[in-house]
Structure formats: structure tokens, C-alpha cells
Amino acid sequence: MPQLLNPRRQQLPDHVASYVREMIISGKVRAGDFVRIDPIADALGISTTPVREGLLALRSEGFVEMVPRRGFVVAPFSKQDVRDLFWAQAQLAGELAARAAKNATAPQIAELERILHEHQSAITEGDAQRIAALGHAFHRGINLIACSPRLAGLLGSVVTNHPNRFYASIEGRLATTQEEHPLLLDALRKHAWKRARTLMEKHILGGADQLITELEQLGLWDTGAEAQAV
């Protein structure tokens, strides 16, 4: 019988990938910077093996490159890369929202209303952890109502490339979310599937604009270089 892998051992590389991905997209490390294995292992309190595995996963996603005998280096990351990631998410999430609008029952709508109420309370209290968790719960609830697990799985693979905790903390994004989540819920309640799709796509794509603006303020991109690239 083959030996079963330790579930925690399987999750550690994913944790590393998420940690480094967040560093890259938030501008904490820039294109050309080396990502050292030992400091990451120390920061996360783990061994170097899952760190290497996580960085190899990021290489397959295009976030880092491997330099022979020197290690991993951050790959260039452009505004268009950000827009592409959010565009892919918007298409999948929009379709799931449309399907959810066709399927939604009264108890399911009531559960989404409860989540939105708690989300608003978390915003009022400034509880960043609950804000992120409840925002995720709202979108997850819509995806479950859609009853399309394979499509939701594809969406999940795209979302792993997003710095959700980072852009969810942007004040302007929270204000937009407070406006758009109730509109989405209203479309679901009325089974207005076309409107649900449009609202979800707009909601997701707006996150790209907010994130790009924030990263520009952090000086992630050289404005002159970006202009020449276009």
C-alpha cells in the first residue's frame, strides 16, 4: 500500500506560495530581487524543503524565475498582469453569479443577508480579519448556490494568484464593496441573472483598478518604463 502524505506537509508549500505571492504583488519585493529560502523558512517557522517547493510552484505561475546556482528571483510583474488576473476571475465569477441567480432559494438569500449584516458590522468595528473572512464567505456562498463545482474549482485556481487580504484592506475598496454586495444580493433575490453577471464582473474588475492605484503609490512600477512598454 502506498504511504499517505501528511496533509499538513502538503499544505505548507501552498502557504509559502501565498506568502511570497503577497510579497510580490504588494511590492515588498521587486522584479530582480532574490527571494532567499532561509529567511522565508525562518519567517514562517518551517523547514527549507516546503519553501523550495512553494517557490517552484510560483515559478510555474510566472511569479519567480530560477537562476542556476543563485536561487529564485522575482520576475517582472506589470499592470497588465494584474488586469489579466482580475479579468479571468471576473469572467468565471460572473458566470457563477448568473447561475446562482437562477438557482437561489429564499433560505439561501437569507444566509447571504446574514453574512452581509455581519460584514457591515466588521467594517464598522475595523476588524480586518473578519472583514476578509466575511467577504470571502459572501462570494463563496454565491458560488455554492451556483451548483457548478467544476467551474468554482477553476475560479479557485485563479483566485490563488490574488492578494485578497491586501486589496480587501484598501479603504476605497471597502466603500465600493459596501455598495456593490447589496446590489448583487438584490439581483440574486430577483433572479435577475444577467444583472448578477454584469454586477459581479464590474465588482471584480474594480478590484484591479484599486490595487493598481495602491501599488503605483507604493512605487512598484517605473511610470516611464511602463509608458515605453505600452
C-alpha atoms as a PDB file:
ATOM      1  CA  MET A   1       0.000   0.000   0.000  1.00  0.00           C
ATOM      2  CA  PRO A   2       1.415   3.447  -0.888  1.00  0.00           C
ATOM      3  CA  GLN A   3       2.312   5.685   2.028  1.00  0.00           C
ATOM      4  CA  LEU A   4      -0.143   8.539   2.572  1.00  0.00           C
ATOM      5  CA  LEU A   5       1.279  12.036   2.612  1.00  0.00           C
ATOM      6  CA  ASN A   6       0.936  14.161   5.712  1.00  0.00           C
ATOM      7  CA  PRO A   7      -1.927  16.658   4.987  1.00  0.00           C
ATOM      8  CA  ARG A   8      -0.086  19.445   6.793  1.00  0.00           C
ATOM      9  CA  ARG A   9       3.059  18.681   4.781  1.00  0.00           C
ATOM     10  CA  GLN A  10       1.038  19.023   1.572  1.00  0.00           C
ATOM     11  CA  GLN A  11      -0.321  22.427   2.634  1.00  0.00           C
ATOM     12  CA  LEU A  12       2.990  24.043   3.593  1.00  0.00           C
ATOM     13  CA  PRO A  13       4.176  24.720   0.002  1.00  0.00           C
ATOM     14  CA  ASP A  14       0.812  26.365  -0.720  1.00  0.00           C
ATOM     15  CA  HIS A  15       1.266  28.532   2.380  1.00  0.00           C
ATOM     16  CA  VAL A  16       4.730  29.534   1.203  1.00  0.00           C
ATOM     17  CA  ALA A  17       3.458  30.345  -2.291  1.00  0.00           C
ATOM     18  CA  SER A  18       0.694  32.522  -0.851  1.00  0.00           C
ATOM     19  CA  TYR A  19       3.151  34.324   1.458  1.00  0.00           C
ATOM     20  CA  VAL A  20       5.652  35.101  -1.310  1.00  0.00           C
ATOM     21  CA  ARG A  21       2.953  35.927  -3.857  1.00  0.00           C
ATOM     22  CA  GLU A  22       1.591  38.524  -1.452  1.00  0.00           C
ATOM     23  CA  MET A  23       5.084  39.985  -1.028  1.00  0.00           C
ATOM     24  CA  ILE A  24       5.492  40.290  -4.792  1.00  0.00           C
ATOM     25  CA  ILE A  25       2.123  41.795  -5.676  1.00  0.00           C
ATOM     26  CA  SER A  26       2.164  44.178  -2.714  1.00  0.00           C
ATOM     27  CA  GLY A  27       5.580  45.480  -3.752  1.00  0.00           C
ATOM     28  CA  LYS A  28       7.533  44.288  -0.721  1.00  0.00           C
ATOM     29  CA  VAL A  29       9.917  42.627  -3.144  1.00  0.00           C
ATOM     30  CA  ARG A  30      10.512  43.921  -6.661  1.00  0.00           C
ATOM     31  CA  ALA A  31      11.409  42.476 -10.041  1.00  0.00           C
ATOM     32  CA  GLY A  32      15.055  41.385  -9.946  1.00  0.00           C
ATOM     33  CA  ASP A  33      15.137  40.876  -6.164  1.00  0.00           C
ATOM     34  CA  PHE A  34      16.290  37.481  -4.971  1.00  0.00           C
ATOM     35  CA  VAL A  35      13.869  35.526  -2.793  1.00  0.00           C
ATOM     36  CA  ARG A  36      16.011  33.646  -0.284  1.00  0.00           C
ATOM     37  CA  ILE A  37      14.840  30.321   1.068  1.00  0.00           C
ATOM     38  CA  ASP A  38      16.299  30.520   4.582  1.00  0.00           C
ATOM     39  CA  PRO A  39      14.726  33.877   5.598  1.00  0.00           C
ATOM     40  CA  ILE A  40      11.306  32.691   4.390  1.00  0.00           C
ATOM     41  CA  ALA A  41      11.671  29.431   6.312  1.00  0.00           C
ATOM     42  CA  ASP A  42      12.593  31.416   9.439  1.00  0.00           C
ATOM     43  CA  ALA A  43       9.697  33.843   8.976  1.00  0.00           C
ATOM     44  CA  LEU A  44       7.161  31.032   8.612  1.00  0.00           C
ATOM     45  CA  GLY A  45       8.753  28.716  11.169  1.00  0.00           C
ATOM     46  CA  ILE A  46       9.137  25.809   8.760  1.00  0.00           C
ATOM     47  CA  SER A  47      11.914  23.819   7.101  1.00  0.00           C
ATOM     48  CA  THR A  48      13.512  24.829   3.822  1.00  0.00           C
ATOM     49  CA  THR A  49      12.044  21.932   1.799  1.00  0.00           C
ATOM     50  CA  PRO A  50       8.432  23.236   1.595  1.00  0.00           C
ATOM     51  CA  VAL A  51       9.815  26.716   0.919  1.00  0.00           C
ATOM     52  CA  ARG A  52      11.638  25.415  -2.145  1.00  0.00           C
ATOM     53  CA  GLU A  53       8.507  23.543  -3.247  1.00  0.00           C
ATOM     54  CA  GLY A  54       6.408  26.680  -2.847  1.00  0.00           C
ATOM     55  CA  LEU A  55       8.875  28.739  -4.875  1.00  0.00           C
ATOM     56  CA  LEU A  56       8.883  26.097  -7.606  1.00  0.00           C
ATOM     57  CA  ALA A  57       5.093  26.414  -7.754  1.00  0.00           C
ATOM     58  CA  LEU A  58       5.449  30.187  -8.108  1.00  0.00           C
ATOM     59  CA  ARG A  59       7.916  29.648 -10.934  1.00  0.00           C
ATOM     60  CA  SER A  60       5.271  27.667 -12.812  1.00  0.00           C
ATOM     61  CA  GLU A  61       2.877  30.600 -12.293  1.00  0.00           C
ATOM     62  CA  GLY A  62       5.447  33.081 -13.625  1.00  0.00           C
ATOM     63  CA  PHE A  63       5.969  34.992 -10.375  1.00  0.00           C
ATOM     64  CA  VAL A  64       9.606  33.975  -9.913  1.00  0.00           C
ATOM     65  CA  GLU A  65      12.421  32.697 -12.091  1.00  0.00           C
ATOM     66  CA  MET A  66      15.210  30.322 -11.147  1.00  0.00           C
ATOM     67  CA  VAL A  67      18.789  31.438 -11.701  1.00  0.00           C
ATOM     68  CA  PRO A  68      21.231  28.491 -11.803  1.00  0.00           C
ATOM     69  CA  ARG A  69      23.441  28.318  -8.690  1.00  0.00           C
ATOM     70  CA  ARG A  70      21.961  31.569  -7.373  1.00  0.00           C
ATOM     71  CA  GLY A  71      18.362  30.823  -6.442  1.00  0.00           C
ATOM     72  CA  PHE A  72      14.978  32.352  -7.129  1.00  0.00           C
ATOM     73  CA  VAL A  73      14.485  35.886  -8.415  1.00  0.00           C
ATOM     74  CA  VAL A  74      11.261  37.889  -8.692  1.00  0.00           C
ATOM     75  CA  ALA A  75      10.006  38.028 -12.284  1.00  0.00           C
ATOM     76  CA  PRO A  76       8.727  41.282 -13.818  1.00  0.00           C
ATOM     77  CA  PHE A  77       5.093  41.965 -12.880  1.00  0.00           C
ATOM     78  CA  SER A  78       3.161  44.555 -14.887  1.00  0.00           C
ATOM     79  CA  LYS A  79      -0.135  46.400 -14.588  1.00  0.00           C
ATOM     80  CA  GLN A  80      -1.444  44.271 -17.429  1.00  0.00           C
ATOM     81  CA  ASP A  81      -0.605  41.152 -15.419  1.00  0.00           C
ATOM     82  CA  VAL A  82      -2.813  42.478 -12.613  1.00  0.00           C
ATOM     83  CA  ARG A  83      -5.634  43.267 -15.046  1.00  0.00           C
ATOM     84  CA  ASP A  84      -5.346  39.835 -16.675  1.00  0.00           C
ATOM     85  CA  LEU A  85      -5.652  38.045 -13.340  1.00  0.00           C
ATOM     86  CA  PHE A  86      -8.712  40.030 -12.341  1.00  0.00           C
ATOM     87  CA  TRP A  87     -10.254  39.675 -15.822  1.00  0.00           C
ATOM     88  CA  ALA A  88     -10.014  35.881 -15.603  1.00  0.00           C
ATOM     89  CA  GLN A  89     -11.586  35.943 -12.154  1.00  0.00           C
ATOM     90  CA  ALA A  90     -14.349  38.291 -13.320  1.00  0.00           C
ATOM     91  CA  GLN A  91     -15.379  36.021 -16.204  1.00  0.00           C
ATOM     92  CA  LEU A  92     -15.666  32.923 -14.018  1.00  0.00           C
ATOM     93  CA  ALA A  93     -17.246  34.695 -11.046  1.00  0.00           C
ATOM     94  CA  GLY A  94     -19.726  36.450 -13.349  1.00  0.00           C
ATOM     95  CA  GLU A  95     -20.912  33.144 -14.801  1.00  0.00           C
ATOM     96  CA  LEU A  96     -21.250  31.641 -11.329  1.00  0.00           C
ATOM     97  CA  ALA A  97     -23.265  34.671 -10.166  1.00  0.00           C
ATOM     98  CA  ALA A  98     -25.596  34.303 -13.154  1.00  0.00           C
ATOM     99  CA  ARG A  99     -26.171  30.624 -12.353  1.00  0.00           C
ATOM    100  CA  ALA A 100     -26.688  31.434  -8.679  1.00  0.00           C
ATOM    101  CA  ALA A 101     -29.353  33.997  -9.594  1.00  0.00           C
ATOM    102  CA  LYS A 102     -31.254  31.274 -11.447  1.00  0.00           C
ATOM    103  CA  ASN A 103     -30.977  28.806  -8.545  1.00  0.00           C
ATOM    104  CA  ALA A 104     -31.246  30.945  -5.398  1.00  0.00           C
ATOM    105  CA  THR A 105     -33.846  29.931  -2.813  1.00  0.00           C
ATOM    106  CA  ALA A 106     -35.288  32.068  -0.006  1.00  0.00           C
ATOM    107  CA  PRO A 107     -33.192  30.343   2.730  1.00  0.00           C
ATOM    108  CA  GLN A 108     -30.015  30.841   0.677  1.00  0.00           C
ATOM    109  CA  ILE A 109     -30.792  34.517   0.203  1.00  0.00           C
ATOM    110  CA  ALA A 110     -31.426  34.848   3.944  1.00  0.00           C
ATOM    111  CA  GLU A 111     -28.000  33.342   4.668  1.00  0.00           C
ATOM    112  CA  LEU A 112     -26.303  35.816   2.323  1.00  0.00           C
ATOM    113  CA  GLU A 113     -28.203  38.646   4.034  1.00  0.00           C
ATOM    114  CA  ARG A 114     -26.879  37.448   7.398  1.00  0.00           C
ATOM    115  CA  ILE A 115     -23.309  37.417   6.058  1.00  0.00           C
ATOM    116  CA  LEU A 116     -23.667  40.942   4.667  1.00  0.00           C
ATOM    117  CA  HIS A 117     -25.007  42.198   8.004  1.00  0.00           C
ATOM    118  CA  GLU A 118     -22.011  40.730   9.843  1.00  0.00           C
ATOM    119  CA  HIS A 119     -19.662  42.084   7.176  1.00  0.00           C
ATOM    120  CA  GLN A 120     -21.012  45.585   7.740  1.00  0.00           C
ATOM    121  CA  SER A 121     -20.541  45.190  11.493  1.00  0.00           C
ATOM    122  CA  ALA A 122     -16.932  44.102  10.955  1.00  0.00           C
ATOM    123  CA  ILE A 123     -16.281  47.162   8.776  1.00  0.00           C
ATOM    124  CA  THR A 124     -17.791  49.428  11.429  1.00  0.00           C
ATOM    125  CA  GLU A 125     -15.566  47.818  14.073  1.00  0.00           C
ATOM    126  CA  GLY A 126     -12.479  47.930  11.826  1.00  0.00           C
ATOM    127  CA  ASP A 127     -11.886  44.195  12.259  1.00  0.00           C
ATOM    128  CA  ALA A 128      -9.697  43.451   9.223  1.00  0.00           C
ATOM    129  CA  GLN A 129      -9.614  39.695   9.776  1.00  0.00           C
ATOM    130  CA  ARG A 130     -13.404  39.389   9.974  1.00  0.00           C
ATOM    131  CA  ILE A 131     -13.830  41.746   7.013  1.00  0.00           C
ATOM    132  CA  ALA A 132     -11.716  39.489   4.825  1.00  0.00           C
ATOM    133  CA  ALA A 133     -13.329  36.280   6.123  1.00  0.00           C
ATOM    134  CA  LEU A 134     -16.892  37.513   5.674  1.00  0.00           C
ATOM    135  CA  GLY A 135     -16.178  38.988   2.250  1.00  0.00           C
ATOM    136  CA  HIS A 136     -14.865  35.590   1.233  1.00  0.00           C
ATOM    137  CA  ALA A 137     -17.907  33.885   2.795  1.00  0.00           C
ATOM    138  CA  PHE A 138     -20.283  36.068   0.745  1.00  0.00           C
ATOM    139  CA  HIS A 139     -18.602  35.160  -2.542  1.00  0.00           C
ATOM    140  CA  ARG A 140     -18.263  31.520  -1.540  1.00  0.00           C
ATOM    141  CA  GLY A 141     -21.978  31.443  -0.741  1.00  0.00           C
ATOM    142  CA  ILE A 142     -22.805  32.681  -4.232  1.00  0.00           C
ATOM    143  CA  ASN A 143     -20.500  30.096  -5.789  1.00  0.00           C
ATOM    144  CA  LEU A 144     -22.139  27.283  -3.821  1.00  0.00           C
ATOM    145  CA  ILE A 145     -25.622  28.398  -4.858  1.00  0.00           C
ATOM    146  CA  ALA A 146     -24.499  28.172  -8.487  1.00  0.00           C
ATOM    147  CA  CYS A 147     -24.173  24.374  -8.057  1.00  0.00           C
ATOM    148  CA  SER A 148     -21.243  24.255 -10.504  1.00  0.00           C
ATOM    149  CA  PRO A 149     -18.348  22.720  -8.546  1.00  0.00           C
ATOM    150  CA  ARG A 150     -16.024  22.312 -11.518  1.00  0.00           C
ATOM    151  CA  LEU A 151     -16.424  25.926 -12.566  1.00  0.00           C
ATOM    152  CA  ALA A 152     -15.979  27.034  -8.959  1.00  0.00           C
ATOM    153  CA  GLY A 153     -12.811  24.947  -8.829  1.00  0.00           C
ATOM    154  CA  LEU A 154     -11.451  26.763 -11.865  1.00  0.00           C
ATOM    155  CA  LEU A 155     -12.238  30.066 -10.181  1.00  0.00           C
ATOM    156  CA  GLY A 156     -10.396  28.915  -7.073  1.00  0.00           C
ATOM    157  CA  SER A 157      -7.266  28.178  -9.087  1.00  0.00           C
ATOM    158  CA  VAL A 158      -7.347  31.737 -10.460  1.00  0.00           C
ATOM    159  CA  VAL A 159      -8.065  33.393  -7.122  1.00  0.00           C
ATOM    160  CA  THR A 160      -4.970  31.825  -5.553  1.00  0.00           C
ATOM    161  CA  ASN A 161      -2.970  34.303  -7.662  1.00  0.00           C
ATOM    162  CA  HIS A 162      -4.692  37.275  -5.990  1.00  0.00           C
ATOM    163  CA  PRO A 163      -3.532  39.176  -2.896  1.00  0.00           C
ATOM    164  CA  ASN A 164      -7.018  39.086  -1.365  1.00  0.00           C
ATOM    165  CA  ARG A 165      -6.003  40.282   2.089  1.00  0.00           C
ATOM    166  CA  PHE A 166      -4.068  43.167   0.532  1.00  0.00           C
ATOM    167  CA  TYR A 167      -6.711  44.730  -1.680  1.00  0.00           C
ATOM    168  CA  ALA A 168      -9.513  43.963   0.798  1.00  0.00           C
ATOM    169  CA  SER A 169      -7.758  46.308   3.224  1.00  0.00           C
ATOM    170  CA  ILE A 170      -7.889  49.286   0.872  1.00  0.00           C
ATOM    171  CA  GLU A 171     -10.372  51.776   2.290  1.00  0.00           C
ATOM    172  CA  GLY A 172     -11.804  52.744  -1.080  1.00  0.00           C
ATOM    173  CA  ARG A 173     -12.383  49.094  -1.945  1.00  0.00           C
ATOM    174  CA  LEU A 174     -14.340  48.562   1.250  1.00  0.00           C
ATOM    175  CA  ALA A 175     -16.578  51.509   0.416  1.00  0.00           C
ATOM    176  CA  THR A 176     -17.215  50.053  -3.033  1.00  0.00           C
ATOM    177  CA  THR A 177     -17.909  46.613  -1.570  1.00  0.00           C
ATOM    178  CA  GLN A 178     -20.496  48.092   0.785  1.00  0.00           C
ATOM    179  CA  GLU A 179     -22.343  49.440  -2.252  1.00  0.00           C
ATOM    180  CA  GLU A 180     -21.952  46.509  -4.629  1.00  0.00           C
ATOM    181  CA  HIS A 181     -22.585  43.491  -2.412  1.00  0.00           C
ATOM    182  CA  PRO A 182     -26.187  44.585  -1.632  1.00  0.00           C
ATOM    183  CA  LEU A 183     -26.795  45.169  -5.352  1.00  0.00           C
ATOM    184  CA  LEU A 184     -25.549  41.663  -6.088  1.00  0.00           C
ATOM    185  CA  LEU A 185     -27.797  40.240  -3.409  1.00  0.00           C
ATOM    186  CA  ASP A 186     -30.800  42.098  -4.833  1.00  0.00           C
ATOM    187  CA  ALA A 187     -30.113  40.641  -8.295  1.00  0.00           C
ATOM    188  CA  LEU A 188     -29.965  37.146  -6.807  1.00  0.00           C
ATOM    189  CA  ARG A 189     -33.179  37.711  -4.868  1.00  0.00           C
ATOM    190  CA  LYS A 190     -34.984  38.786  -8.057  1.00  0.00           C
ATOM    191  CA  HIS A 191     -33.414  36.003 -10.165  1.00  0.00           C
ATOM    192  CA  ALA A 192     -32.026  38.709 -12.462  1.00  0.00           C
ATOM    193  CA  TRP A 193     -29.216  36.541 -13.805  1.00  0.00           C
ATOM    194  CA  LYS A 194     -27.969  38.932 -16.495  1.00  0.00           C
ATOM    195  CA  ARG A 195     -27.709  41.776 -13.989  1.00  0.00           C
ATOM    196  CA  ALA A 196     -25.990  39.477 -11.490  1.00  0.00           C
ATOM    197  CA  ARG A 197     -23.367  38.583 -14.074  1.00  0.00           C
ATOM    198  CA  THR A 198     -22.731  42.227 -15.009  1.00  0.00           C
ATOM    199  CA  LEU A 199     -22.549  43.358 -11.386  1.00  0.00           C
ATOM    200  CA  MET A 200     -20.138  40.598 -10.414  1.00  0.00           C
ATOM    201  CA  GLU A 201     -17.835  41.274 -13.363  1.00  0.00           C
ATOM    202  CA  LYS A 202     -17.793  45.004 -12.557  1.00  0.00           C
ATOM    203  CA  HIS A 203     -17.215  44.265  -8.876  1.00  0.00           C
ATOM    204  CA  ILE A 204     -14.193  42.056  -9.550  1.00  0.00           C
ATOM    205  CA  LEU A 205     -12.649  44.270 -12.232  1.00  0.00           C
ATOM    206  CA  GLY A 206     -12.928  47.270  -9.917  1.00  0.00           C
ATOM    207  CA  GLY A 207     -10.566  45.463  -7.561  1.00  0.00           C
ATOM    208  CA  ALA A 208      -7.859  45.546 -10.233  1.00  0.00           C
ATOM    209  CA  ASP A 209      -8.116  49.321 -10.563  1.00  0.00           C
ATOM    210  CA  GLN A 210      -7.945  49.791  -6.807  1.00  0.00           C
ATOM    211  CA  LEU A 211      -4.943  47.500  -6.493  1.00  0.00           C
ATOM    212  CA  ILE A 212      -3.057  49.136  -9.365  1.00  0.00           C
ATOM    213  CA  THR A 213      -3.638  52.594  -7.869  1.00  0.00           C
ATOM    214  CA  GLU A 214      -2.341  51.454  -4.495  1.00  0.00           C
ATOM    215  CA  LEU A 215       0.729  49.778  -5.984  1.00  0.00           C
ATOM    216  CA  GLU A 216       1.509  52.871  -8.056  1.00  0.00           C
ATOM    217  CA  GLN A 217       1.512  54.899  -4.842  1.00  0.00           C
ATOM    218  CA  LEU A 218       3.970  52.404  -3.372  1.00  0.00           C
ATOM    219  CA  GLY A 219       6.240  52.959  -6.380  1.00  0.00           C
ATOM    220  CA  LEU A 220       6.011  49.376  -7.622  1.00  0.00           C
ATOM    221  CA  TRP A 221       6.288  50.424 -11.264  1.00  0.00           C
ATOM    222  CA  ASP A 222       8.528  52.882 -13.035  1.00  0.00           C
ATOM    223  CA  THR A 223       5.983  55.132 -14.776  1.00  0.00           C
ATOM    224  CA  GLY A 224       8.360  55.952 -17.594  1.00  0.00           C
ATOM    225  CA  ALA A 225       9.182  52.323 -18.236  1.00  0.00           C
ATOM    226  CA  GLU A 226       5.505  51.407 -18.238  1.00  0.00           C
ATOM    227  CA  ALA A 227       4.745  54.105 -20.769  1.00  0.00           C
ATOM    228  CA  GLN A 228       7.514  52.887 -23.071  1.00  0.00           C
ATOM    229  CA  ALA A 229       6.274  49.295 -22.765  1.00  0.00           C
ATOM    230  CA  VAL A 230       2.828  50.368 -23.980  1.00  0.00           C
END
